[in-house]
C-alpha atoms as a PDB file:
ATOM      1  CA  MET A   1       7.953  -9.895  -0.074  1.00  0.00           C
ATOM      2  CA  ASP A   2      10.726 -11.202   1.500  1.00  0.00           C
ATOM      3  CA  GLU A   3      13.740  -9.214   3.575  1.00  0.00           C
ATOM      4  CA  GLU A   4      15.608  -9.023   0.282  1.00  0.00           C
ATOM      5  CA  ALA A   5      13.386  -7.772  -2.417  1.00  0.00           C
ATOM      6  CA  TRP A   6      12.340  -5.539  -0.401  1.00  0.00           C
ATOM      7  CA  ARG A   7      15.917  -3.930   0.211  1.00  0.00           C
ATOM      8  CA  ALA A   8      16.645  -4.548  -3.529  1.00  0.00           C
ATOM      9  CA  ASP A   9      13.378  -1.693  -3.911  1.00  0.00           C
ATOM     10  CA  ARG A  10      14.842   0.624  -1.888  1.00  0.00           C
ATOM     11  CA  VAL A  11      18.103   0.262  -3.311  1.00  0.00           C
ATOM     12  CA  ARG A  12      16.776   0.892  -7.318  1.00  0.00           C
ATOM     13  CA  GLU A  13      14.287   4.178  -5.593  1.00  0.00           C
ATOM     14  CA  PHE A  14      17.991   5.457  -4.259  1.00  0.00           C
ATOM     15  CA  ALA A  15      19.409   4.504  -7.886  1.00  0.00           C
ATOM     16  CA  SER A  16      16.036   6.825  -9.655  1.00  0.00           C
ATOM     17  CA  LEU A  17      18.025   9.679  -8.133  1.00  0.00           C
ATOM     18  CA  ARG A  18      21.067   9.210 -11.239  1.00  0.00           C
ATOM     19  CA  GLY A  19      20.008  11.793 -13.846  1.00  0.00           C
ATOM     20  CA  ALA A  20      18.180  13.992 -11.640  1.00  0.00           C
ATOM     21  CA  HIS A  21      18.497  17.759 -10.770  1.00  0.00           C
ATOM     22  CA  VAL A  22      18.350  18.539  -7.627  1.00  0.00           C
ATOM     23  CA  GLU A  23      17.144  22.116  -7.158  1.00  0.00           C
ATOM     24  CA  SER A  24      17.683  21.945  -3.457  1.00  0.00           C
ATOM     25  CA  TRP A  25      17.203  20.229   0.339  1.00  0.00           C
ATOM     26  CA  ILE A  26      14.980  21.074   2.910  1.00  0.00           C
ATOM     27  CA  GLY A  27      14.742  19.064   6.198  1.00  0.00           C
ATOM     28  CA  VAL A  28      13.868  18.705   9.907  1.00  0.00           C
ATOM     29  CA  GLU A  29      17.056  18.887  11.816  1.00  0.00           C
ATOM     30  CA  PHE A  30      17.134  17.621  15.332  1.00  0.00           C
ATOM     31  CA  ALA A  31      19.116  19.389  18.413  1.00  0.00           C
ATOM     32  CA  LEU A  32      22.399  18.125  19.164  1.00  0.00           C
ATOM     33  CA  ARG A  33      22.558  19.115  22.369  1.00  0.00           C
ATOM     34  CA  GLU A  34      19.706  20.353  25.050  1.00  0.00           C
ATOM     35  CA  ASP A  35      19.704  22.905  27.592  1.00  0.00           C
ATOM     36  CA  VAL A  36      23.823  24.167  27.359  1.00  0.00           C
ATOM     37  CA  PRO A  37      23.997  27.423  29.644  1.00  0.00           C
ATOM     38  CA  ASP A  38      24.578  30.682  27.262  1.00  0.00           C
ATOM     39  CA  ALA A  39      23.780  28.699  24.281  1.00  0.00           C
ATOM     40  CA  GLY A  40      19.654  28.176  25.277  1.00  0.00           C
ATOM     41  CA  PRO A  41      17.538  25.255  25.290  1.00  0.00           C
ATOM     42  CA  HIS A  42      18.766  23.450  22.112  1.00  0.00           C
ATOM     43  CA  VAL A  43      22.338  23.881  20.161  1.00  0.00           C
ATOM     44  CA  PHE A  44      22.294  22.544  16.309  1.00  0.00           C
ATOM     45  CA  HIS A  45      25.677  23.308  15.189  1.00  0.00           C
ATOM     46  CA  ASP A  46      28.683  22.532  16.844  1.00  0.00           C
ATOM     47  CA  PRO A  47      32.048  22.608  14.577  1.00  0.00           C
ATOM     48  CA  ALA A  48      33.565  19.374  16.053  1.00  0.00           C
ATOM     49  CA  VAL A  49      30.340  17.855  14.203  1.00  0.00           C
ATOM     50  CA  PRO A  50      30.871  17.161  10.748  1.00  0.00           C
ATOM     51  CA  CYS A  51      27.140  16.277   9.658  1.00  0.00           C
ATOM     52  CA  LEU A  52      23.867  17.504   9.819  1.00  0.00           C
ATOM     53  CA  GLN A  53      21.175  14.981  12.156  1.00  0.00           C
ATOM     54  CA  LEU A  54      17.613  15.216  10.600  1.00  0.00           C
ATOM     55  CA  TRP A  55      14.896  13.514  11.315  1.00  0.00           C
ATOM     56  CA  GLY A  56      14.181  13.255   7.705  1.00  0.00           C
ATOM     57  CA  LEU A  57      15.374  15.409   4.311  1.00  0.00           C
ATOM     58  CA  LEU A  58      13.619  16.359   0.984  1.00  0.00           C
ATOM     59  CA  ALA A  59      15.358  16.833  -2.589  1.00  0.00           C
ATOM     60  CA  VAL A  60      13.619  19.212  -4.504  1.00  0.00           C
ATOM     61  CA  LEU A  61      13.926  17.427  -8.120  1.00  0.00           C
ATOM     62  CA  GLU A  62      13.042  19.212 -11.424  1.00  0.00           C
ATOM     63  CA  GLY A  63       9.916  18.402 -11.593  1.00  0.00           C
ATOM     64  CA  GLY A  64       9.084  16.520  -8.166  1.00  0.00           C
ATOM     65  CA  ARG A  65      10.365  15.275  -4.719  1.00  0.00           C
ATOM     66  CA  PHE A  66      12.478  13.157  -3.181  1.00  0.00           C
ATOM     67  CA  GLY A  67      12.167  12.353   0.619  1.00  0.00           C
ATOM     68  CA  VAL A  68      14.845  10.279   3.215  1.00  0.00           C
ATOM     69  CA  GLY A  69      14.090   8.851   6.111  1.00  0.00           C
ATOM     70  CA  THR A  70      14.998   5.882   8.173  1.00  0.00           C
ATOM     71  CA  TYR A  71      13.089   2.849   8.992  1.00  0.00           C
ATOM     72  CA  GLU A  72      13.298  -0.008  11.674  1.00  0.00           C
ATOM     73  CA  HIS A  73      14.172  -3.710  11.014  1.00  0.00           C
ATOM     74  CA  TYR A  74      14.670  -5.387  13.987  1.00  0.00           C
ATOM     75  CA  ASP A  75      17.547  -4.256  15.993  1.00  0.00           C
ATOM     76  CA  HIS A  76      19.002  -1.479  13.489  1.00  0.00           C
ATOM     77  CA  CYS A  77      17.668   1.269  11.195  1.00  0.00           C
ATOM     78  CA  GLY A  78      18.361   2.043   7.451  1.00  0.00           C
ATOM     79  CA  LEU A  79      17.734   4.665   5.313  1.00  0.00           C
ATOM     80  CA  TRP A  80      14.643   4.603   2.892  1.00  0.00           C
ATOM     81  CA  ARG A  81      11.916   6.891   1.022  1.00  0.00           C
ATOM     82  CA  PRO A  82       9.111   6.760   2.651  1.00  0.00           C
ATOM     83  CA  GLN A  83       5.757   8.240   2.130  1.00  0.00           C
ATOM     84  CA  TRP A  84       5.510  11.931   2.897  1.00  0.00           C
ATOM     85  CA  GLU A  85       2.558  13.013   2.969  1.00  0.00           C
ATOM     86  CA  GLU A  86       3.034  13.483   6.991  1.00  0.00           C
ATOM     87  CA  PHE A  87       6.732  14.944   6.415  1.00  0.00           C
ATOM     88  CA  GLU A  88       5.242  17.229   4.089  1.00  0.00           C
ATOM     89  CA  ALA A  89       1.980  18.255   5.902  1.00  0.00           C
ATOM     90  CA  ARG A  90       4.639  19.282   8.564  1.00  0.00           C
ATOM     91  CA  VAL A  91       6.710  21.112   7.081  1.00  0.00           C
ATOM     92  CA  GLN A  92       3.371  23.575   5.622  1.00  0.00           C
ATOM     93  CA  ASP A  93       2.700  23.874   9.896  1.00  0.00           C
ATOM     94  CA  PRO A  94       5.159  25.915  11.056  1.00  0.00           C
ATOM     95  CA  GLN A  95       3.573  25.423  14.572  1.00  0.00           C
ATOM     96  CA  TRP A  96       5.189  22.038  14.431  1.00  0.00           C
ATOM     97  CA  TRP A  97       7.992  22.820  13.936  1.00  0.00           C
ATOM     98  CA  ARG A  98       8.559  26.152  15.908  1.00  0.00           C
ATOM     99  CA  GLU A  99       7.074  24.832  19.034  1.00  0.00           C
ATOM    100  CA  PRO A 100       9.486  25.896  22.169  1.00  0.00           C
ATOM    101  CA  GLY A 101      11.140  22.825  23.578  1.00  0.00           C
ATOM    102  CA  HIS A 102      10.339  20.758  20.551  1.00  0.00           C
ATOM    103  CA  GLY A 103      14.054  20.219  19.667  1.00  0.00           C
ATOM    104  CA  THR A 104      13.603  20.137  15.670  1.00  0.00           C
ATOM    105  CA  ARG A 105      14.081  22.573  13.012  1.00  0.00           C
ATOM    106  CA  TRP A 106      12.728  23.078   9.621  1.00  0.00           C
ATOM    107  CA  ARG A 107      14.995  24.676   7.238  1.00  0.00           C
ATOM    108  CA  VAL A 108      16.604  25.171   4.074  1.00  0.00           C
ATOM    109  CA  LEU A 109      19.557  22.820   3.629  1.00  0.00           C
ATOM    110  CA  SER A 110      21.388  24.875   1.549  1.00  0.00           C
ATOM    111  CA  GLU A 111      25.055  23.521   2.552  1.00  0.00           C
ATOM    112  CA  LEU A 112      23.859  20.759   1.141  1.00  0.00           C
ATOM    113  CA  PRO A 113      24.702  20.431  -2.732  1.00  0.00           C
ATOM    114  CA  ALA A 114      22.589  21.121  -5.564  1.00  0.00           C
ATOM    115  CA  GLY A 115      23.017  20.314  -9.220  1.00  0.00           C
ATOM    116  CA  PRO A 116      22.619  17.094 -11.809  1.00  0.00           C
ATOM    117  CA  VAL A 117      22.594  13.546  -9.707  1.00  0.00           C
ATOM    118  CA  ASP A 118      25.720  11.854 -10.916  1.00  0.00           C
ATOM    119  CA  GLU A 119      26.380   8.872  -9.262  1.00  0.00           C
ATOM    120  CA  VAL A 120      24.280   7.143  -6.394  1.00  0.00           C
ATOM    121  CA  THR A 121      26.241   4.152  -4.579  1.00  0.00           C
ATOM    122  CA  VAL A 122      24.330   2.465  -1.405  1.00  0.00           C
ATOM    123  CA  TYR A 123      25.608   0.368   0.748  1.00  0.00           C
ATOM    124  CA  GLY A 124      24.692  -2.290   3.273  1.00  0.00           C
ATOM    125  CA  ASP A 125      25.027  -3.456   6.467  1.00  0.00           C
ATOM    126  CA  GLU A 126      23.218  -5.903   9.299  1.00  0.00           C
ATOM    127  CA  GLY A 127      20.470  -6.487   6.715  1.00  0.00           C
ATOM    128  CA  VAL A 128      19.428  -2.794   6.228  1.00  0.00           C
ATOM    129  CA  VAL A 129      20.464   0.102   3.719  1.00  0.00           C
ATOM    130  CA  ALA A 130      23.533   1.729   5.864  1.00  0.00           C
ATOM    131  CA  GLU A 131      24.269   4.208   3.828  1.00  0.00           C
ATOM    132  CA  VAL A 132      24.036   6.205   0.398  1.00  0.00           C
ATOM    133  CA  SER A 133      26.497   8.043  -1.206  1.00  0.00           C
ATOM    134  CA  LEU A 134      25.512  10.854  -4.018  1.00  0.00           C
ATOM    135  CA  MET A 135      27.574  12.936  -5.965  1.00  0.00           C
ATOM    136  CA  VAL A 136      25.423  16.158  -7.163  1.00  0.00           C
ATOM    137  CA  GLY A 137      26.662  18.471  -9.128  1.00  0.00           C
ATOM    138  CA  GLY A 138      30.225  17.695  -8.616  1.00  0.00           C
ATOM    139  CA  ARG A 139      29.969  17.679  -4.779  1.00  0.00           C
ATOM    140  CA  PRO A 140      29.826  14.549  -2.297  1.00  0.00           C
ATOM    141  CA  LEU A 141      27.094  13.680  -0.011  1.00  0.00           C
ATOM    142  CA  LEU A 142      27.180  10.671   2.184  1.00  0.00           C
ATOM    143  CA  LEU A 143      23.553   9.435   4.188  1.00  0.00           C
ATOM    144  CA  ILE A 144      23.902   7.594   6.687  1.00  0.00           C
ATOM    145  CA  ALA A 145      21.399   5.898   9.137  1.00  0.00           C
ATOM    146  CA  GLY A 146      22.888   6.866  12.384  1.00  0.00           C
ATOM    147  CA  GLU A 147      22.153   9.176  15.470  1.00  0.00           C
ATOM    148  CA  LEU A 148      24.283  11.368  18.047  1.00  0.00           C
ATOM    149  CA  TYR A 149      23.773  10.996  21.311  1.00  0.00           C
ATOM    150  CA  GLU A 150      25.018  13.550  24.081  1.00  0.00           C
ATOM    151  CA  THR A 151      26.650  11.785  26.953  1.00  0.00           C
ATOM    152  CA  TRP A 152      26.297  13.197  30.626  1.00  0.00           C
ATOM    153  CA  THR A 153      29.686  14.747  30.156  1.00  0.00           C
ATOM    154  CA  ASP A 154      28.374  16.387  27.406  1.00  0.00           C
ATOM    155  CA  ASP A 155      30.240  14.734  24.414  1.00  0.00           C
ATOM    156  CA  LEU A 156      28.498  13.800  21.553  1.00  0.00           C
ATOM    157  CA  GLU A 157      28.881   9.579  20.443  1.00  0.00           C
ATOM    158  CA  PHE A 158      28.208   8.633  16.878  1.00  0.00           C
ATOM    159  CA  HIS A 159      25.926   6.036  16.367  1.00  0.00           C
ATOM    160  CA  ARG A 160      25.187   3.479  13.021  1.00  0.00           C
ATOM    161  CA  LEU A 161      22.338   2.153  12.185  1.00  0.00           C
ATOM    162  CA  ASP A 162      20.136   4.367  14.510  1.00  0.00           C
ATOM    163  CA  GLU A 163      17.048   6.610  13.674  1.00  0.00           C
ATOM    164  CA  SER A 164      18.576   9.486  12.344  1.00  0.00           C
ATOM    165  CA  VAL A 165      19.679  10.576   9.032  1.00  0.00           C
ATOM    166  CA  LEU A 166      22.957  11.958   9.212  1.00  0.00           C
ATOM    167  CA  ALA A 167      24.504  14.008   6.181  1.00  0.00           C
ATOM    168  CA  PHE A 168      27.768  14.753   5.456  1.00  0.00           C
ATOM    169  CA  THR A 169      29.601  16.807   2.708  1.00  0.00           C
ATOM    170  CA  ASP A 170      32.762  15.929   3.247  1.00  0.00           C
ATOM    171  CA  PRO A 171      32.668  11.908   3.758  1.00  0.00           C
ATOM    172  CA  GLY A 172      36.358  11.266   4.522  1.00  0.00           C
ATOM    173  CA  ALA A 173      34.800  12.774   7.938  1.00  0.00           C
ATOM    174  CA  ALA A 174      32.803   9.644   8.665  1.00  0.00           C
ATOM    175  CA  ASP A 175      35.819   8.147   8.338  1.00  0.00           C
ATOM    176  CA  ARG A 176      37.057  10.235  10.821  1.00  0.00           C
ATOM    177  CA  VAL A 177      34.559   9.773  13.693  1.00  0.00           C
ATOM    178  CA  ALA A 178      35.358   7.775  16.429  1.00  0.00           C
ATOM    179  CA  TRP A 179      31.642   5.822  15.400  1.00  0.00           C
ATOM    180  CA  THR A 180      30.380   3.311  18.533  1.00  0.00           C
ATOM    181  CA  THR A 181      30.138   0.422  16.319  1.00  0.00           C
ATOM    182  CA  PRO A 182      32.419  -0.079  12.758  1.00  0.00           C
ATOM    183  CA  ARG A 183      31.674   0.695   9.150  1.00  0.00           C
ATOM    184  CA  GLN A 184      34.359  -2.009   8.145  1.00  0.00           C
ATOM    185  CA  ASP A 185      31.462  -4.420   7.116  1.00  0.00           C
ATOM    186  CA  LEU A 186      29.924  -2.160   4.530  1.00  0.00           C
ATOM    187  CA  ARG A 187      29.131  -3.460   1.123  1.00  0.00           C
ATOM    188  CA  VAL A 188      28.030  -2.345  -2.188  1.00  0.00           C
ATOM    189  CA  LEU A 189      24.216  -3.284  -2.915  1.00  0.00           C
END
């Protein structure tokens, strides 16, 4: 299968969410910072960070589940719907996500919107599915392939087209952060 056809299949998978009903979201969250004095070995929340950084997330739907993860395509990563047997097996094994020093945690993502999925828009950039914009229960949710890197000065840099799923409940916040590469070349797929 050629790259365009493969990407078109990913777009159809995300579009299949339109009309579904999201009951809840669960996910594996990556720590934003490591070894912070007086905060512990892993910091998962920072008021200056307007998104969640996830290894993957799973929408619990009426009658099923829909996973979101990332895939690698040459030098960039994009969003896709992976096979979730491994993810679900790990979710069932509390030792995996509670392991000290692991830098991840599994949790119910109650801050993400639930309800009917009314809108789905898929955006591409650099040959990958870069972003997916959803309207769930009348509330927006923007998923971006990206990652936050902690710098030696303890700042966080926002990188696009990277290995994590960044989940924004305020899509405007994605416009306001300083990305290391611009988001201006996005196109609707």
